[in-house]
C-alpha cells in the first residue's frame, strides 16, 4: 500500500522529546505555531486562519463551511447571547473571536502566547471592523491576570490539549468565570483504555509532532471538572463530524511531505506535515475521539 511505503520513509524518532515544565512547553507551542503558520494560512478562507478541525453535517458541502460550522455549533451549544463577555483561550489568529464579534453583540478577549498570532489577529480584527468588540493579549491562559468572575463564557477550540496538566486550565477557568458562567471546549481525547505498542507509537508520532504533551480520557477530564466543582457537565462525541477534516489533513500531509522534504524544511515544519498523516491513522484505529465539552460554574 502507498501508505505503508510512505510510513517507512517518515522519521518517527526525529521529534524532540517534550520537556516537562510548563514554561518550556509554552515556548515549544509558540515555536510550533510560528514556524507552521504558513501551512495554517492555507487551511481556511482568506483572512483569519481557522486552525482546527471542521464540523461536517448533511448540509455541509465545503471545507470552509465546515470550519465556520465549528464556531456555530459551539455558540449554539453554549447559548451565546447579546452582552456576553467571552474569553477565547488559545485564540490563535483570532478567527473564532472575530466570528463571535461579527455574529453576536458580545465582547471577546482572545489570549495567545505567540506575538506573531497576536499581531495577525489585530490585523484581521481591524479588517473585519470589530476592534471595538475584540481585544487580544499575549499570555498563558492557565495563569492569567484577569480578575475573579470576569467572563460569562470561556471558549477553547483545540487549545487545552497543549497543556501538560489539564487541571491547571480548569482551575483557572473556574476562577475567572462568573457564577453560572459556562465553559465550552472542542478537542481530542483518548478513547482506548489500554494502548498497545502500536497505538502508543501512532499516538506519539501524531501529538508530539504537533507539540501536544498528552491527551487524557473523557472520564479523567470529567473527574477534574467535578473535583473543581463544575456542574451540568456534558460531553458530546462528534468524531464522525470531524472525520472528513481529519481525512483532508491526512491528504495534505501525504501531498506535502515530499515537497517539504525536497525543500529541506526545518524539523518543526517536517514534524507538522508528518503529524498530519499520523493523526488520521490514529483516529481510524480508534485511539482517540473528538468531543465537545460543556460545563457550568
C-alpha atoms as a PDB file:
ATOM      1  CA  UNK A   1       0.000   0.000   0.000  1.00  0.00           C
ATOM      2  CA  UNK A   2       1.111   3.569  -0.676  1.00  0.00           C
ATOM      3  CA  UNK A   3       0.525   4.482   2.981  1.00  0.00           C
ATOM      4  CA  UNK A   4       2.870   1.703   4.119  1.00  0.00           C
ATOM      5  CA  UNK A   5       5.574   2.885   1.729  1.00  0.00           C
ATOM      6  CA  UNK A   6       5.234   6.470   2.934  1.00  0.00           C
ATOM      7  CA  UNK A   7       5.338   5.475   6.604  1.00  0.00           C
ATOM      8  CA  UNK A   8       8.575   3.596   6.036  1.00  0.00           C
ATOM      9  CA  UNK A   9      10.148   6.812   4.785  1.00  0.00           C
ATOM     10  CA  UNK A  10       8.905   9.004   7.630  1.00  0.00           C
ATOM     11  CA  UNK A  11      11.155   9.953  10.514  1.00  0.00           C
ATOM     12  CA  UNK A  12       9.273   8.804  13.639  1.00  0.00           C
ATOM     13  CA  UNK A  13      12.221   9.271  16.008  1.00  0.00           C
ATOM     14  CA  UNK A  14      13.223  12.753  14.955  1.00  0.00           C
ATOM     15  CA  UNK A  15      10.740  14.685  17.018  1.00  0.00           C
ATOM     16  CA  UNK A  16      12.278  16.245  20.082  1.00  0.00           C
ATOM     17  CA  UNK A  17      11.465  14.878  23.499  1.00  0.00           C
ATOM     18  CA  UNK A  18       8.963  17.099  25.255  1.00  0.00           C
ATOM     19  CA  UNK A  19      10.353  18.933  28.233  1.00  0.00           C
ATOM     20  CA  UNK A  20       8.409  18.618  31.429  1.00  0.00           C
ATOM     21  CA  UNK A  21       7.973  22.189  32.601  1.00  0.00           C
ATOM     22  CA  UNK A  22       5.057  24.393  31.623  1.00  0.00           C
ATOM     23  CA  UNK A  23       7.409  27.241  30.652  1.00  0.00           C
ATOM     24  CA  UNK A  24       9.302  25.037  28.218  1.00  0.00           C
ATOM     25  CA  UNK A  25       6.036  23.692  26.818  1.00  0.00           C
ATOM     26  CA  UNK A  26       4.718  27.222  26.199  1.00  0.00           C
ATOM     27  CA  UNK A  27       7.870  28.080  24.274  1.00  0.00           C
ATOM     28  CA  UNK A  28       7.541  24.925  22.204  1.00  0.00           C
ATOM     29  CA  UNK A  29       3.927  25.696  21.291  1.00  0.00           C
ATOM     30  CA  UNK A  30       4.881  29.238  20.344  1.00  0.00           C
ATOM     31  CA  UNK A  31       7.679  27.948  18.086  1.00  0.00           C
ATOM     32  CA  UNK A  32       5.377  25.387  16.501  1.00  0.00           C
ATOM     33  CA  UNK A  33       2.621  27.799  15.514  1.00  0.00           C
ATOM     34  CA  UNK A  34       5.010  30.493  14.355  1.00  0.00           C
ATOM     35  CA  UNK A  35       7.076  28.090  12.238  1.00  0.00           C
ATOM     36  CA  UNK A  36       3.993  26.436  10.729  1.00  0.00           C
ATOM     37  CA  UNK A  37       1.741  29.453  10.304  1.00  0.00           C
ATOM     38  CA  UNK A  38       2.123  29.379   6.509  1.00  0.00           C
ATOM     39  CA  UNK A  39       0.520  25.913   6.470  1.00  0.00           C
ATOM     40  CA  UNK A  40      -2.407  27.126   8.557  1.00  0.00           C
ATOM     41  CA  UNK A  41      -2.738  30.151   6.290  1.00  0.00           C
ATOM     42  CA  UNK A  42      -3.982  27.836   3.554  1.00  0.00           C
ATOM     43  CA  UNK A  43      -6.282  25.856   5.847  1.00  0.00           C
ATOM     44  CA  UNK A  44      -9.205  28.293   5.861  1.00  0.00           C
ATOM     45  CA  UNK A  45     -10.618  31.195   3.926  1.00  0.00           C
ATOM     46  CA  UNK A  46      -8.701  34.382   3.219  1.00  0.00           C
ATOM     47  CA  UNK A  47      -8.352  36.475   6.340  1.00  0.00           C
ATOM     48  CA  UNK A  48      -8.417  34.970   9.858  1.00  0.00           C
ATOM     49  CA  UNK A  49      -6.919  31.485   9.854  1.00  0.00           C
ATOM     50  CA  UNK A  50      -9.221  28.743  11.145  1.00  0.00           C
ATOM     51  CA  UNK A  51      -6.639  26.401  12.637  1.00  0.00           C
ATOM     52  CA  UNK A  52      -8.847  23.492  13.666  1.00  0.00           C
ATOM     53  CA  UNK A  53     -10.934  20.543  12.513  1.00  0.00           C
ATOM     54  CA  UNK A  54     -14.217  21.456  10.826  1.00  0.00           C
ATOM     55  CA  UNK A  55     -17.710  20.211  11.712  1.00  0.00           C
ATOM     56  CA  UNK A  56     -19.397  18.356   8.854  1.00  0.00           C
ATOM     57  CA  UNK A  57     -23.114  17.506   8.700  1.00  0.00           C
ATOM     58  CA  UNK A  58     -25.594  16.692   5.944  1.00  0.00           C
ATOM     59  CA  UNK A  59     -25.778  20.366   4.977  1.00  0.00           C
ATOM     60  CA  UNK A  60     -22.022  20.885   4.672  1.00  0.00           C
ATOM     61  CA  UNK A  61     -20.611  20.997   1.167  1.00  0.00           C
ATOM     62  CA  UNK A  62     -17.192  22.579   1.573  1.00  0.00           C
ATOM     63  CA  UNK A  63     -14.189  22.558   3.856  1.00  0.00           C
ATOM     64  CA  UNK A  64     -14.514  26.304   4.512  1.00  0.00           C
ATOM     65  CA  UNK A  65     -18.119  25.840   5.568  1.00  0.00           C
ATOM     66  CA  UNK A  66     -17.136  23.075   7.990  1.00  0.00           C
ATOM     67  CA  UNK A  67     -14.711  25.408   9.765  1.00  0.00           C
ATOM     68  CA  UNK A  68     -17.392  28.066  10.205  1.00  0.00           C
ATOM     69  CA  UNK A  69     -19.757  25.331  11.404  1.00  0.00           C
ATOM     70  CA  UNK A  70     -17.477  24.623  14.353  1.00  0.00           C
ATOM     71  CA  UNK A  71     -17.986  28.160  15.629  1.00  0.00           C
ATOM     72  CA  UNK A  72     -21.734  27.981  15.007  1.00  0.00           C
ATOM     73  CA  UNK A  73     -22.169  24.611  16.730  1.00  0.00           C
ATOM     74  CA  UNK A  74     -20.240  25.715  19.829  1.00  0.00           C
ATOM     75  CA  UNK A  75     -22.036  29.074  20.016  1.00  0.00           C
ATOM     76  CA  UNK A  76     -25.419  27.358  19.833  1.00  0.00           C
ATOM     77  CA  UNK A  77     -24.444  24.742  22.387  1.00  0.00           C
ATOM     78  CA  UNK A  78     -23.232  27.351  24.910  1.00  0.00           C
ATOM     79  CA  UNK A  79     -26.160  29.675  24.045  1.00  0.00           C
ATOM     80  CA  UNK A  80     -24.202  32.863  23.406  1.00  0.00           C
ATOM     81  CA  UNK A  81     -26.403  35.914  23.975  1.00  0.00           C
ATOM     82  CA  UNK A  82     -26.020  39.646  23.449  1.00  0.00           C
ATOM     83  CA  UNK A  83     -23.850  41.258  26.109  1.00  0.00           C
ATOM     84  CA  UNK A  84     -21.819  38.168  26.974  1.00  0.00           C
ATOM     85  CA  UNK A  85     -18.143  38.621  27.782  1.00  0.00           C
ATOM     86  CA  UNK A  86     -16.179  35.723  26.298  1.00  0.00           C
ATOM     87  CA  UNK A  87     -12.599  34.554  26.739  1.00  0.00           C
ATOM     88  CA  UNK A  88     -11.177  32.714  23.720  1.00  0.00           C
ATOM     89  CA  UNK A  89      -8.476  30.653  25.438  1.00  0.00           C
ATOM     90  CA  UNK A  90      -5.788  29.948  22.869  1.00  0.00           C
ATOM     91  CA  UNK A  91      -7.285  32.240  20.255  1.00  0.00           C
ATOM     92  CA  UNK A  92      -4.703  31.668  17.524  1.00  0.00           C
ATOM     93  CA  UNK A  93      -5.025  34.377  14.923  1.00  0.00           C
ATOM     94  CA  UNK A  94      -8.452  35.410  16.090  1.00  0.00           C
ATOM     95  CA  UNK A  95     -10.802  33.551  13.734  1.00  0.00           C
ATOM     96  CA  UNK A  96     -13.333  32.446  16.378  1.00  0.00           C
ATOM     97  CA  UNK A  97     -13.140  35.699  18.348  1.00  0.00           C
ATOM     98  CA  UNK A  98     -13.769  37.738  15.211  1.00  0.00           C
ATOM     99  CA  UNK A  99     -16.611  35.432  14.130  1.00  0.00           C
ATOM    100  CA  UNK A 100     -18.305  35.767  17.528  1.00  0.00           C
ATOM    101  CA  UNK A 101     -17.961  39.546  17.465  1.00  0.00           C
ATOM    102  CA  UNK A 102     -19.437  39.750  13.955  1.00  0.00           C
ATOM    103  CA  UNK A 103     -22.414  37.481  14.647  1.00  0.00           C
ATOM    104  CA  UNK A 104     -23.303  38.378  18.248  1.00  0.00           C
ATOM    105  CA  UNK A 105     -23.327  41.591  20.229  1.00  0.00           C
ATOM    106  CA  UNK A 106     -20.595  40.350  22.575  1.00  0.00           C
ATOM    107  CA  UNK A 107     -17.193  41.369  23.908  1.00  0.00           C
ATOM    108  CA  UNK A 108     -14.432  38.859  23.185  1.00  0.00           C
ATOM    109  CA  UNK A 109     -10.995  38.659  24.756  1.00  0.00           C
ATOM    110  CA  UNK A 110      -8.515  36.452  22.924  1.00  0.00           C
ATOM    111  CA  UNK A 111      -5.334  35.209  24.542  1.00  0.00           C
ATOM    112  CA  UNK A 112      -2.339  33.632  22.788  1.00  0.00           C
ATOM    113  CA  UNK A 113       1.284  33.037  23.740  1.00  0.00           C
ATOM    114  CA  UNK A 114       2.508  33.965  20.261  1.00  0.00           C
ATOM    115  CA  UNK A 115       3.440  37.521  19.345  1.00  0.00           C
ATOM    116  CA  UNK A 116       3.041  36.626  15.664  1.00  0.00           C
ATOM    117  CA  UNK A 117      -0.501  35.372  16.239  1.00  0.00           C
ATOM    118  CA  UNK A 118      -1.284  38.429  18.336  1.00  0.00           C
ATOM    119  CA  UNK A 119      -0.153  40.803  15.571  1.00  0.00           C
ATOM    120  CA  UNK A 120      -2.028  38.938  12.857  1.00  0.00           C
ATOM    121  CA  UNK A 121      -5.186  38.746  14.988  1.00  0.00           C
ATOM    122  CA  UNK A 122      -5.057  42.530  15.424  1.00  0.00           C
ATOM    123  CA  UNK A 123      -4.755  42.995  11.654  1.00  0.00           C
ATOM    124  CA  UNK A 124      -7.629  40.609  10.932  1.00  0.00           C
ATOM    125  CA  UNK A 125      -9.877  42.208  13.567  1.00  0.00           C
ATOM    126  CA  UNK A 126      -9.226  45.663  12.153  1.00  0.00           C
ATOM    127  CA  UNK A 127     -10.012  44.458   8.622  1.00  0.00           C
ATOM    128  CA  UNK A 128     -13.242  42.892   9.901  1.00  0.00           C
ATOM    129  CA  UNK A 129     -14.229  46.123  11.635  1.00  0.00           C
ATOM    130  CA  UNK A 130     -14.564  44.593  15.114  1.00  0.00           C
ATOM    131  CA  UNK A 131     -11.695  46.177  17.050  1.00  0.00           C
ATOM    132  CA  UNK A 132     -14.301  47.832  19.276  1.00  0.00           C
ATOM    133  CA  UNK A 133     -15.562  44.378  20.332  1.00  0.00           C
ATOM    134  CA  UNK A 134     -12.419  42.239  20.295  1.00  0.00           C
ATOM    135  CA  UNK A 135      -9.165  42.591  22.225  1.00  0.00           C
ATOM    136  CA  UNK A 136      -6.144  40.303  22.116  1.00  0.00           C
ATOM    137  CA  UNK A 137      -3.449  39.654  24.700  1.00  0.00           C
ATOM    138  CA  UNK A 138      -0.211  37.689  24.848  1.00  0.00           C
ATOM    139  CA  UNK A 139      -0.171  35.307  27.780  1.00  0.00           C
ATOM    140  CA  UNK A 140      -0.787  31.875  29.297  1.00  0.00           C
ATOM    141  CA  UNK A 141      -4.494  31.094  29.629  1.00  0.00           C
ATOM    142  CA  UNK A 142      -3.820  28.742  32.551  1.00  0.00           C
ATOM    143  CA  UNK A 143      -2.349  31.621  34.592  1.00  0.00           C
ATOM    144  CA  UNK A 144      -3.967  34.935  33.690  1.00  0.00           C
ATOM    145  CA  UNK A 145      -4.128  38.338  35.318  1.00  0.00           C
ATOM    146  CA  UNK A 146      -7.892  38.625  34.835  1.00  0.00           C
ATOM    147  CA  UNK A 147      -9.972  39.392  37.891  1.00  0.00           C
ATOM    148  CA  UNK A 148     -12.113  36.742  39.542  1.00  0.00           C
ATOM    149  CA  UNK A 149     -15.516  36.258  37.873  1.00  0.00           C
ATOM    150  CA  UNK A 150     -14.634  38.239  34.735  1.00  0.00           C
ATOM    151  CA  UNK A 151     -16.274  36.156  31.996  1.00  0.00           C
ATOM    152  CA  UNK A 152     -19.666  34.736  31.091  1.00  0.00           C
ATOM    153  CA  UNK A 153     -18.151  32.139  28.770  1.00  0.00           C
ATOM    154  CA  UNK A 154     -14.746  30.538  28.332  1.00  0.00           C
ATOM    155  CA  UNK A 155     -14.219  29.110  24.857  1.00  0.00           C
ATOM    156  CA  UNK A 156     -11.415  26.822  23.718  1.00  0.00           C
ATOM    157  CA  UNK A 157     -11.011  25.121  20.359  1.00  0.00           C
ATOM    158  CA  UNK A 158      -8.140  22.606  20.290  1.00  0.00           C
ATOM    159  CA  UNK A 159      -6.050  24.590  22.733  1.00  0.00           C
ATOM    160  CA  UNK A 160      -6.446  22.749  26.043  1.00  0.00           C
ATOM    161  CA  UNK A 161      -4.713  19.725  24.504  1.00  0.00           C
ATOM    162  CA  UNK A 162      -1.432  21.691  24.566  1.00  0.00           C
ATOM    163  CA  UNK A 163      -1.443  21.948  28.376  1.00  0.00           C
ATOM    164  CA  UNK A 164       0.676  19.485  30.344  1.00  0.00           C
ATOM    165  CA  UNK A 165      -1.679  19.482  33.348  1.00  0.00           C
ATOM    166  CA  UNK A 166      -5.259  19.940  32.106  1.00  0.00           C
ATOM    167  CA  UNK A 167      -6.476  20.643  35.623  1.00  0.00           C
ATOM    168  CA  UNK A 168      -4.453  23.886  35.661  1.00  0.00           C
ATOM    169  CA  UNK A 169      -6.760  25.210  32.948  1.00  0.00           C
ATOM    170  CA  UNK A 170      -9.914  24.011  34.707  1.00  0.00           C
ATOM    171  CA  UNK A 171      -8.938  25.705  37.968  1.00  0.00           C
ATOM    172  CA  UNK A 172      -8.172  28.997  36.230  1.00  0.00           C
ATOM    173  CA  UNK A 173     -11.365  28.777  34.172  1.00  0.00           C
ATOM    174  CA  UNK A 174     -13.442  28.378  37.319  1.00  0.00           C
ATOM    175  CA  UNK A 175     -11.709  31.327  38.992  1.00  0.00           C
ATOM    176  CA  UNK A 176     -12.332  33.788  36.163  1.00  0.00           C
ATOM    177  CA  UNK A 177     -15.827  32.580  35.234  1.00  0.00           C
ATOM    178  CA  UNK A 178     -18.784  34.419  36.700  1.00  0.00           C
ATOM    179  CA  UNK A 179     -21.237  32.472  38.832  1.00  0.00           C
ATOM    180  CA  UNK A 180     -23.309  30.320  36.461  1.00  0.00           C
ATOM    181  CA  UNK A 181     -20.718  31.061  33.767  1.00  0.00           C
ATOM    182  CA  UNK A 182     -20.186  28.446  31.070  1.00  0.00           C
ATOM    183  CA  UNK A 183     -17.221  26.545  29.698  1.00  0.00           C
ATOM    184  CA  UNK A 184     -17.206  25.221  26.118  1.00  0.00           C
ATOM    185  CA  UNK A 185     -14.330  23.210  24.633  1.00  0.00           C
ATOM    186  CA  UNK A 186     -13.864  21.147  21.492  1.00  0.00           C
ATOM    187  CA  UNK A 187     -10.805  18.911  21.458  1.00  0.00           C
ATOM    188  CA  UNK A 188      -9.354  15.436  21.154  1.00  0.00           C
ATOM    189  CA  UNK A 189      -9.428  12.828  23.928  1.00  0.00           C
ATOM    190  CA  UNK A 190      -8.014   9.333  24.340  1.00  0.00           C
ATOM    191  CA  UNK A 191     -10.591   6.656  23.542  1.00  0.00           C
ATOM    192  CA  UNK A 192      -8.868   3.371  24.353  1.00  0.00           C
ATOM    193  CA  UNK A 193      -8.312   2.326  27.966  1.00  0.00           C
ATOM    194  CA  UNK A 194      -5.169   0.346  27.248  1.00  0.00           C
ATOM    195  CA  UNK A 195      -2.888   1.310  24.389  1.00  0.00           C
ATOM    196  CA  UNK A 196      -0.656  -1.357  22.901  1.00  0.00           C
ATOM    197  CA  UNK A 197       2.778  -0.542  21.490  1.00  0.00           C
ATOM    198  CA  UNK A 198       1.440   0.244  18.010  1.00  0.00           C
ATOM    199  CA  UNK A 199      -1.231   2.539  19.470  1.00  0.00           C
ATOM    200  CA  UNK A 200       1.360   4.376  21.549  1.00  0.00           C
ATOM    201  CA  UNK A 201       3.672   4.674  18.538  1.00  0.00           C
ATOM    202  CA  UNK A 202       0.946   6.173  16.344  1.00  0.00           C
ATOM    203  CA  UNK A 203      -0.279   8.492  19.100  1.00  0.00           C
ATOM    204  CA  UNK A 204       3.191   9.780  19.989  1.00  0.00           C
ATOM    205  CA  UNK A 205       4.097  10.334  16.351  1.00  0.00           C
ATOM    206  CA  UNK A 206       0.998  12.476  15.987  1.00  0.00           C
ATOM    207  CA  UNK A 207       0.701  14.540  19.152  1.00  0.00           C
ATOM    208  CA  UNK A 208       4.398  15.193  19.763  1.00  0.00           C
ATOM    209  CA  UNK A 209       4.823  16.434  16.216  1.00  0.00           C
ATOM    210  CA  UNK A 210       2.012  18.926  16.893  1.00  0.00           C
ATOM    211  CA  UNK A 211       3.546  19.910  20.240  1.00  0.00           C
ATOM    212  CA  UNK A 212       0.790  18.279  22.308  1.00  0.00           C
ATOM    213  CA  UNK A 213       2.288  16.793  25.503  1.00  0.00           C
ATOM    214  CA  UNK A 214      -0.568  14.376  26.199  1.00  0.00           C
ATOM    215  CA  UNK A 215      -4.230  13.628  25.706  1.00  0.00           C
ATOM    216  CA  UNK A 216      -6.496  12.441  28.508  1.00  0.00           C
ATOM    217  CA  UNK A 217      -9.622  10.315  28.560  1.00  0.00           C
ATOM    218  CA  UNK A 218     -13.060  11.900  28.835  1.00  0.00           C
ATOM    219  CA  UNK A 219     -13.525  10.219  32.230  1.00  0.00           C
ATOM    220  CA  UNK A 220     -10.324  11.846  33.550  1.00  0.00           C
ATOM    221  CA  UNK A 221     -11.349  15.285  32.333  1.00  0.00           C
ATOM    222  CA  UNK A 222     -14.802  14.845  33.837  1.00  0.00           C
ATOM    223  CA  UNK A 223     -13.210  13.910  37.157  1.00  0.00           C
ATOM    224  CA  UNK A 224     -11.119  17.096  37.082  1.00  0.00           C
ATOM    225  CA  UNK A 225     -14.245  19.171  36.440  1.00  0.00           C
ATOM    226  CA  UNK A 226     -16.142  17.515  39.282  1.00  0.00           C
ATOM    227  CA  UNK A 227     -13.212  17.979  41.660  1.00  0.00           C
ATOM    228  CA  UNK A 228     -13.216  21.681  40.732  1.00  0.00           C
ATOM    229  CA  UNK A 229     -16.969  21.854  41.410  1.00  0.00           C
ATOM    230  CA  UNK A 230     -18.202  22.404  37.858  1.00  0.00           C
ATOM    231  CA  UNK A 231     -21.773  21.261  37.284  1.00  0.00           C
ATOM    232  CA  UNK A 232     -24.036  20.128  34.430  1.00  0.00           C
ATOM    233  CA  UNK A 233     -21.047  18.598  32.676  1.00  0.00           C
ATOM    234  CA  UNK A 234     -21.834  17.187  29.242  1.00  0.00           C
ATOM    235  CA  UNK A 235     -19.611  15.547  26.625  1.00  0.00           C
ATOM    236  CA  UNK A 236     -20.782  15.150  23.021  1.00  0.00           C
ATOM    237  CA  UNK A 237     -18.877  12.820  20.709  1.00  0.00           C
ATOM    238  CA  UNK A 238     -18.581  14.487  17.280  1.00  0.00           C
ATOM    239  CA  UNK A 239     -15.823  12.267  15.901  1.00  0.00           C
ATOM    240  CA  UNK A 240     -17.884  11.381  12.838  1.00  0.00           C
ATOM    241  CA  UNK A 241     -18.410  15.096  12.151  1.00  0.00           C
ATOM    242  CA  UNK A 242     -14.686  15.906  12.097  1.00  0.00           C
ATOM    243  CA  UNK A 243     -13.657  12.771  10.212  1.00  0.00           C
ATOM    244  CA  UNK A 244     -13.760  14.500   6.792  1.00  0.00           C
ATOM    245  CA  UNK A 245     -11.429  17.192   8.134  1.00  0.00           C
ATOM    246  CA  UNK A 246      -9.085  14.552   9.533  1.00  0.00           C
ATOM    247  CA  UNK A 247      -9.053  12.874   6.141  1.00  0.00           C
ATOM    248  CA  UNK A 248      -8.374  16.197   4.395  1.00  0.00           C
ATOM    249  CA  UNK A 249      -5.475  16.930   6.763  1.00  0.00           C
ATOM    250  CA  UNK A 250      -4.106  13.450   6.024  1.00  0.00           C
ATOM    251  CA  UNK A 251      -4.272  14.058   2.272  1.00  0.00           C
ATOM    252  CA  UNK A 252      -2.476  17.371   2.639  1.00  0.00           C
ATOM    253  CA  UNK A 253       0.192  15.642   4.697  1.00  0.00           C
ATOM    254  CA  UNK A 254       0.687  12.952   2.078  1.00  0.00           C
ATOM    255  CA  UNK A 255       0.928  15.514  -0.736  1.00  0.00           C
ATOM    256  CA  UNK A 256       3.006  17.991   1.251  1.00  0.00           C
ATOM    257  CA  UNK A 257       5.554  15.596   2.706  1.00  0.00           C
ATOM    258  CA  UNK A 258       7.676  15.088  -0.451  1.00  0.00           C
ATOM    259  CA  UNK A 259       7.531  18.830  -1.186  1.00  0.00           C
ATOM    260  CA  UNK A 260       8.716  19.718   2.318  1.00  0.00           C
ATOM    261  CA  UNK A 261      11.384  17.019   2.093  1.00  0.00           C
ATOM    262  CA  UNK A 262      12.617  18.362  -1.241  1.00  0.00           C
ATOM    263  CA  UNK A 263      12.715  21.935   0.045  1.00  0.00           C
ATOM    264  CA  UNK A 264      14.578  20.755   3.165  1.00  0.00           C
ATOM    265  CA  UNK A 265      12.167  22.393   5.557  1.00  0.00           C
ATOM    266  CA  UNK A 266      13.215  22.574   9.194  1.00  0.00           C
ATOM    267  CA  UNK A 267      12.428  19.883  11.751  1.00  0.00           C
ATOM    268  CA  UNK A 268       9.387  21.653  13.212  1.00  0.00           C
ATOM    269  CA  UNK A 269       7.779  22.038   9.777  1.00  0.00           C
ATOM    270  CA  UNK A 270       8.573  18.455   8.779  1.00  0.00           C
ATOM    271  CA  UNK A 271       7.158  17.166  12.044  1.00  0.00           C
ATOM    272  CA  UNK A 272       3.980  19.164  11.437  1.00  0.00           C
ATOM    273  CA  UNK A 273       3.454  17.627   7.996  1.00  0.00           C
ATOM    274  CA  UNK A 274       4.145  14.114   9.261  1.00  0.00           C
ATOM    275  CA  UNK A 275       1.774  14.720  12.176  1.00  0.00           C
ATOM    276  CA  UNK A 276      -0.947  15.398   9.594  1.00  0.00           C
ATOM    277  CA  UNK A 277      -0.519  11.816   8.439  1.00  0.00           C
ATOM    278  CA  UNK A 278      -0.354  10.195  11.864  1.00  0.00           C
ATOM    279  CA  UNK A 279      -3.433  11.971  13.278  1.00  0.00           C
ATOM    280  CA  UNK A 280      -5.673  10.250  10.723  1.00  0.00           C
ATOM    281  CA  UNK A 281      -4.086   6.832  11.157  1.00  0.00           C
ATOM    282  CA  UNK A 282      -4.560   7.116  14.924  1.00  0.00           C
ATOM    283  CA  UNK A 283      -8.171   8.236  14.512  1.00  0.00           C
ATOM    284  CA  UNK A 284      -9.015   5.391  12.130  1.00  0.00           C
ATOM    285  CA  UNK A 285      -7.505   2.919  14.573  1.00  0.00           C
ATOM    286  CA  UNK A 286      -9.842   4.231  17.279  1.00  0.00           C
ATOM    287  CA  UNK A 287      -7.116   5.567  19.552  1.00  0.00           C
ATOM    288  CA  UNK A 288      -8.714   8.986  20.025  1.00  0.00           C
ATOM    289  CA  UNK A 289     -12.066  10.692  19.686  1.00  0.00           C
ATOM    290  CA  UNK A 290     -13.204  14.278  19.273  1.00  0.00           C
ATOM    291  CA  UNK A 291     -15.598  15.759  21.829  1.00  0.00           C
ATOM    292  CA  UNK A 292     -17.452  18.942  22.673  1.00  0.00           C
ATOM    293  CA  UNK A 293     -17.370  19.625  26.402  1.00  0.00           C
ATOM    294  CA  UNK A 294     -19.922  21.843  28.133  1.00  0.00           C
ATOM    295  CA  UNK A 295     -19.877  22.715  31.841  1.00  0.00           C
ATOM    296  CA  UNK A 296     -21.220  25.381  34.190  1.00  0.00           C
ATOM    297  CA  UNK A 297     -19.716  27.053  37.237  1.00  0.00           C
END
